[in-house]
């Protein structure tokens, strides 16, 4: 049989030819019928986000360019459980960049797309898609449906928070009862074309990365999602104890078990200690 770039081949005792092909992997043939041998494993190496819960590992295929534009990679979600990979691929949607697992059900996940809204999965089967027509999410294209979500995070009340870039109401939440709410946040974020990851802290504050050297944003809704009159918002730079800017180029954010906020930046790892955090 024919292979494009064979590197090695051998006959076995059962009449099969086995070939190692550069690009095609392991191939077998008997009576001229070529069959690829594909070991169980992930379908893609373009992993952009990863999460795990209840013994299940998830990842999403996607990505963005350095200038936060689309790469238009097909929407792919994969799970790894009991030593087996399973996948759901959807070519109609693209660029999944965040994943969140429901705290009460490891088989229930949400995947955020940079342009195609929010997708909901149960047992790795898509059950809902959320965009401008059926949620508080907003499109960057007037009259269209191009919804860019840069971050996802649950709070302790099972509300799912997300950033919605380059729109008038750039923070949305899917509440635990399935209803939606969005926030203008005093127009502090409306001028940014990209919004990144969101972390909900143990105290209920929402910290958001503003990519491309624009620092951080923090929000305190004081536990009253539907009452915005008591909300507090803060847009700020990463500074040292003397108030000097260290950097505003932030790539990742996380809270540790003690409530400290850790940042991955172009200047290395930085930390906001709990005793110094004020919103």
Protein backbone atom coordinates (compact mmCIF):
# COMPACT_ATOMS: atom_id res chain seq x y z
CA UNK A 1 0.00 0.00 0.00
CA UNK A 2 1.01 3.65 -0.45
CA UNK A 3 2.07 6.08 2.25
CA UNK A 4 3.27 9.61 1.73
CA UNK A 5 6.35 9.68 3.96
CA UNK A 6 7.18 6.23 5.33
CA UNK A 7 9.94 5.99 7.93
CA UNK A 8 9.80 2.29 8.73
CA UNK A 9 7.73 -0.79 7.81
CA UNK A 10 7.44 -4.42 8.85
CA UNK A 11 5.40 -7.57 8.05
CA UNK A 12 3.83 -9.47 10.93
CA UNK A 13 2.89 -13.16 11.03
CA UNK A 14 -0.74 -12.55 10.17
CA UNK A 15 -0.25 -11.00 6.76
CA UNK A 16 -0.38 -7.37 7.86
CA UNK A 17 2.01 -4.63 6.81
CA UNK A 18 2.69 -2.04 9.50
CA UNK A 19 4.18 1.31 8.52
CA UNK A 20 5.34 4.33 10.48
CA UNK A 21 4.50 7.38 8.38
CA UNK A 22 5.77 10.91 9.01
CA UNK A 23 2.49 12.83 9.32
CA UNK A 24 0.18 9.85 8.91
CA UNK A 25 1.23 8.08 12.08
CA UNK A 26 0.93 4.33 12.41
CA UNK A 27 -0.75 2.56 9.46
CA UNK A 28 -1.69 -1.06 8.87
CA UNK A 29 -2.68 -2.84 5.67
CA UNK A 30 -3.89 -6.27 4.62
CA UNK A 31 -5.03 -7.07 1.08
CA UNK A 32 -4.42 -3.44 0.14
CA UNK A 33 -6.84 -1.89 2.66
CA UNK A 34 -5.06 0.84 4.59
CA UNK A 35 -6.20 1.57 8.16
CA UNK A 36 -4.82 4.22 10.49
CA UNK A 37 -4.11 3.17 14.06
CA UNK A 38 -5.07 6.04 16.33
CA UNK A 39 -4.36 5.68 20.06
CA UNK A 40 -6.81 7.23 22.47
CA UNK A 41 -5.74 10.81 23.07
CA UNK A 42 -6.74 14.45 22.63
CA UNK A 43 -7.75 15.55 19.14
CA UNK A 44 -5.97 18.88 19.27
CA UNK A 45 -2.81 20.48 20.61
CA UNK A 46 -4.36 23.99 20.41
CA UNK A 47 -5.40 23.98 24.06
CA UNK A 48 -6.32 27.43 25.39
CA UNK A 49 -7.97 26.70 28.75
CA UNK A 50 -8.26 23.71 31.05
CA UNK A 51 -10.38 22.82 34.10
CA UNK A 52 -11.07 19.78 36.25
CA UNK A 53 -13.71 18.66 38.73
CA UNK A 54 -14.99 15.38 40.11
CA UNK A 55 -12.28 13.35 38.43
CA UNK A 56 -13.00 14.82 34.99
CA UNK A 57 -10.47 16.91 33.09
CA UNK A 58 -11.73 19.32 30.42
CA UNK A 59 -10.04 21.48 27.84
CA UNK A 60 -11.17 23.79 25.06
CA UNK A 61 -9.53 24.38 21.71
CA UNK A 62 -9.36 27.99 20.64
CA UNK A 63 -7.23 31.03 20.81
CA UNK A 64 -6.72 34.66 20.01
CA UNK A 65 -3.98 36.57 18.27
CA UNK A 66 -1.52 38.81 20.08
CA UNK A 67 -3.76 41.75 19.30
CA UNK A 68 -6.85 39.90 20.62
CA UNK A 69 -8.31 39.17 17.21
CA UNK A 70 -9.90 35.88 16.19
CA UNK A 71 -8.05 32.81 14.96
CA UNK A 72 -11.34 31.10 13.95
CA UNK A 73 -10.43 27.66 15.30
CA UNK A 74 -13.37 25.26 15.41
CA UNK A 75 -15.12 24.96 18.76
CA UNK A 76 -13.79 21.80 20.41
CA UNK A 77 -14.39 20.61 23.97
CA UNK A 78 -12.73 17.43 25.23
CA UNK A 79 -12.95 15.48 28.45
CA UNK A 80 -10.61 12.94 30.01
CA UNK A 81 -12.17 10.54 32.48
CA UNK A 82 -11.35 6.94 33.41
CA UNK A 83 -8.32 7.06 31.10
CA UNK A 84 -10.46 7.86 28.05
CA UNK A 85 -10.74 10.98 25.91
CA UNK A 86 -14.09 12.12 24.50
CA UNK A 87 -14.79 15.16 22.34
CA UNK A 88 -17.49 17.43 20.99
CA UNK A 89 -16.55 19.48 17.92
CA UNK A 90 -18.68 22.19 16.32
CA UNK A 91 -17.49 23.90 13.16
CA UNK A 92 -20.27 26.48 13.30
CA UNK A 93 -18.75 28.07 16.41
CA UNK A 94 -15.15 29.17 16.89
CA UNK A 95 -12.45 30.26 19.30
CA UNK A 96 -13.37 28.80 22.69
CA UNK A 97 -11.02 30.41 25.19
CA UNK A 98 -12.49 29.76 28.67
CA UNK A 99 -14.22 26.90 30.43
CA UNK A 100 -16.08 26.75 33.75
CA UNK A 101 -17.38 23.63 35.52
CA UNK A 102 -20.57 23.90 37.57
CA UNK A 103 -19.61 23.48 41.26
CA UNK A 104 -22.55 21.12 41.89
CA UNK A 105 -22.18 18.92 38.79
CA UNK A 106 -18.85 18.06 37.12
CA UNK A 107 -20.71 16.94 33.97
CA UNK A 108 -22.21 20.44 33.53
CA UNK A 109 -19.86 22.94 31.90
CA UNK A 110 -19.87 26.29 30.12
CA UNK A 111 -17.43 27.34 27.41
CA UNK A 112 -16.85 30.95 26.41
CA UNK A 113 -16.07 31.98 22.86
CA UNK A 114 -14.26 35.06 21.60
CA UNK A 115 -17.00 36.00 19.15
CA UNK A 116 -19.59 33.22 19.30
CA UNK A 117 -21.07 33.70 22.76
CA UNK A 118 -21.48 31.17 25.54
CA UNK A 119 -22.04 27.44 25.11
CA UNK A 120 -23.54 25.12 27.70
CA UNK A 121 -22.75 21.38 27.80
CA UNK A 122 -24.04 18.41 29.78
CA UNK A 123 -22.18 15.12 29.51
CA UNK A 124 -20.16 16.75 26.72
CA UNK A 125 -23.26 17.40 24.61
CA UNK A 126 -24.13 21.02 23.79
CA UNK A 127 -27.54 21.86 25.22
CA UNK A 128 -27.67 25.66 24.87
CA UNK A 129 -25.99 28.58 23.16
CA UNK A 130 -26.26 32.10 24.58
CA UNK A 131 -25.89 35.33 22.65
CA UNK A 132 -27.55 38.70 22.30
CA UNK A 133 -30.98 37.22 21.56
CA UNK A 134 -31.42 35.07 24.67
CA UNK A 135 -29.22 36.58 27.39
CA UNK A 136 -27.83 39.87 28.66
CA UNK A 137 -24.73 39.39 26.52
CA UNK A 138 -24.14 42.01 23.84
CA UNK A 139 -22.69 41.91 20.34
CA UNK A 140 -19.87 44.14 19.11
CA UNK A 141 -21.67 44.30 15.75
CA UNK A 142 -24.85 46.42 15.85
CA UNK A 143 -27.75 44.25 14.78
CA UNK A 144 -25.46 41.22 14.56
CA UNK A 145 -24.46 38.46 16.95
CA UNK A 146 -20.72 38.53 17.53
CA UNK A 147 -20.30 38.20 21.29
CA UNK A 148 -16.78 38.19 22.71
CA UNK A 149 -16.40 36.64 26.16
CA UNK A 150 -12.96 36.78 27.76
CA UNK A 151 -13.51 35.31 31.22
CA UNK A 152 -15.80 32.97 33.20
CA UNK A 153 -16.09 32.31 36.93
CA UNK A 154 -18.66 31.02 39.40
CA UNK A 155 -19.37 32.65 42.74
CA UNK A 156 -20.39 30.76 45.89
CA UNK A 157 -24.09 31.23 45.09
CA UNK A 158 -23.71 29.38 41.76
CA UNK A 159 -23.96 32.56 39.68
CA UNK A 160 -21.75 32.49 36.57
CA UNK A 161 -19.91 35.78 35.90
CA UNK A 162 -18.34 36.72 32.58
CA UNK A 163 -16.64 39.57 30.77
CA UNK A 164 -18.21 40.78 27.52
CA UNK A 165 -15.70 42.91 25.63
CA UNK A 166 -16.21 46.16 23.72
CA UNK A 167 -19.91 46.65 24.52
CA UNK A 168 -21.85 49.16 26.68
CA UNK A 169 -22.54 46.64 29.46
CA UNK A 170 -19.29 44.66 29.68
CA UNK A 171 -20.03 42.41 32.66
CA UNK A 172 -22.81 39.83 32.61
CA UNK A 173 -23.95 37.20 35.06
CA UNK A 174 -26.07 34.12 34.50
CA UNK A 175 -27.76 33.73 37.85
CA UNK A 176 -28.34 30.39 39.53
CA UNK A 177 -32.01 30.49 38.54
CA UNK A 178 -31.09 30.86 34.84
CA UNK A 179 -31.95 34.55 34.55
CA UNK A 180 -29.44 37.16 33.37
CA UNK A 181 -28.14 40.56 34.44
CA UNK A 182 -25.58 42.91 32.87
CA UNK A 183 -23.67 45.89 34.27
CA UNK A 184 -22.50 49.20 32.82
CA UNK A 185 -20.00 49.63 35.71
CA UNK A 186 -20.11 53.41 35.30
CA UNK A 187 -18.72 53.06 31.76
CA UNK A 188 -15.26 52.33 33.19
CA UNK A 189 -14.71 49.39 30.82
CA UNK A 190 -16.56 50.52 27.70
CA UNK A 191 -13.43 52.00 26.10
CA UNK A 192 -11.45 48.73 26.10
CA UNK A 193 -11.57 46.46 23.05
CA UNK A 194 -10.47 43.42 25.07
CA UNK A 195 -11.46 42.10 28.49
CA UNK A 196 -9.80 39.02 29.92
CA UNK A 197 -10.16 36.63 32.81
CA UNK A 198 -12.39 37.18 35.83
CA UNK A 199 -11.87 35.85 39.36
CA UNK A 200 -14.57 35.85 42.03
CA UNK A 201 -12.82 36.10 45.39
CA UNK A 202 -13.78 34.52 48.69
CA UNK A 203 -15.22 37.88 49.74
CA UNK A 204 -17.37 38.03 46.60
CA UNK A 205 -15.36 40.68 44.77
CA UNK A 206 -14.87 40.32 41.01
CA UNK A 207 -11.36 41.01 39.71
CA UNK A 208 -10.93 41.38 35.96
CA UNK A 209 -7.81 41.49 33.80
CA UNK A 210 -7.78 44.20 31.14
CA UNK A 211 -5.36 42.94 28.48
CA UNK A 212 -2.91 44.86 26.32
CA UNK A 213 -1.35 46.77 29.20
CA UNK A 214 -4.48 48.24 30.75
CA UNK A 215 -4.26 46.91 34.30
CA UNK A 216 -7.05 45.63 36.50
CA UNK A 217 -10.68 46.25 37.35
CA UNK A 218 -12.48 45.25 40.55
CA UNK A 219 -16.16 45.19 41.38
CA UNK A 220 -18.04 44.75 44.65
CA UNK A 221 -21.78 44.20 44.19
CA UNK A 222 -22.14 43.57 47.95
CA UNK A 223 -24.11 40.41 47.32
CA UNK A 224 -27.04 42.22 45.71
CA UNK A 225 -26.87 41.47 42.00
CA UNK A 226 -30.12 43.20 41.10
CA UNK A 227 -29.45 46.33 43.17
CA UNK A 228 -26.70 48.32 41.45
CA UNK A 229 -27.14 51.38 43.69
CA UNK A 230 -24.68 50.03 46.27
CA UNK A 231 -22.09 48.70 43.79
CA UNK A 232 -18.46 49.81 43.96
CA UNK A 233 -16.09 49.78 40.99
CA UNK A 234 -12.38 50.45 40.70
CA UNK A 235 -10.05 50.65 37.72
CA UNK A 236 -6.42 50.56 38.81
CA UNK A 237 -2.80 49.95 37.93
CA UNK A 238 -0.50 47.43 39.60
CA UNK A 239 1.65 49.54 41.91
CA UNK A 240 4.22 48.96 44.64
CA UNK A 241 3.96 50.14 48.24
CA UNK A 242 5.07 53.61 47.18
CA UNK A 243 2.40 53.95 44.52
CA UNK A 244 4.79 53.48 41.61
CA UNK A 245 3.43 51.49 38.68
CA UNK A 246 5.16 48.11 38.39
CA UNK A 247 3.35 46.96 35.26
CA UNK A 248 -0.09 46.86 33.70
CA UNK A 249 0.70 43.95 31.36
CA UNK A 250 -1.16 41.11 33.08
CA UNK A 251 -1.56 37.64 31.61
CA UNK A 252 -3.23 35.62 34.38
CA UNK A 253 -4.87 35.99 37.78
CA UNK A 254 -5.72 33.65 40.67
CA UNK A 255 -6.71 33.77 44.34
CA UNK A 256 -5.02 31.50 46.87
CA UNK A 257 -6.66 29.87 49.88
CA UNK A 258 -5.69 32.79 52.10
CA UNK A 259 -7.44 35.36 49.89
CA UNK A 260 -4.28 36.77 48.30
CA UNK A 261 -4.46 37.71 44.61
CA UNK A 262 -1.62 36.42 42.41
CA UNK A 263 -0.83 37.92 39.02
CA UNK A 264 1.22 36.59 36.13
CA UNK A 265 2.76 39.59 34.38
CA UNK A 266 5.54 40.59 32.01
CA UNK A 267 7.56 41.46 35.13
CA UNK A 268 7.09 38.04 36.68
CA UNK A 269 4.77 36.95 39.48
CA UNK A 270 3.21 39.64 41.66
CA UNK A 271 0.87 39.32 44.64
CA UNK A 272 -1.72 41.49 46.37
CA UNK A 273 -1.87 40.41 49.99
CA UNK A 274 -5.28 40.19 51.63
CA UNK A 275 -4.41 42.81 54.25
CA UNK A 276 -3.65 45.33 51.51
CA UNK A 277 -6.70 44.71 49.29
CA UNK A 278 -9.32 47.44 49.30
CA UNK A 279 -12.07 48.17 46.78
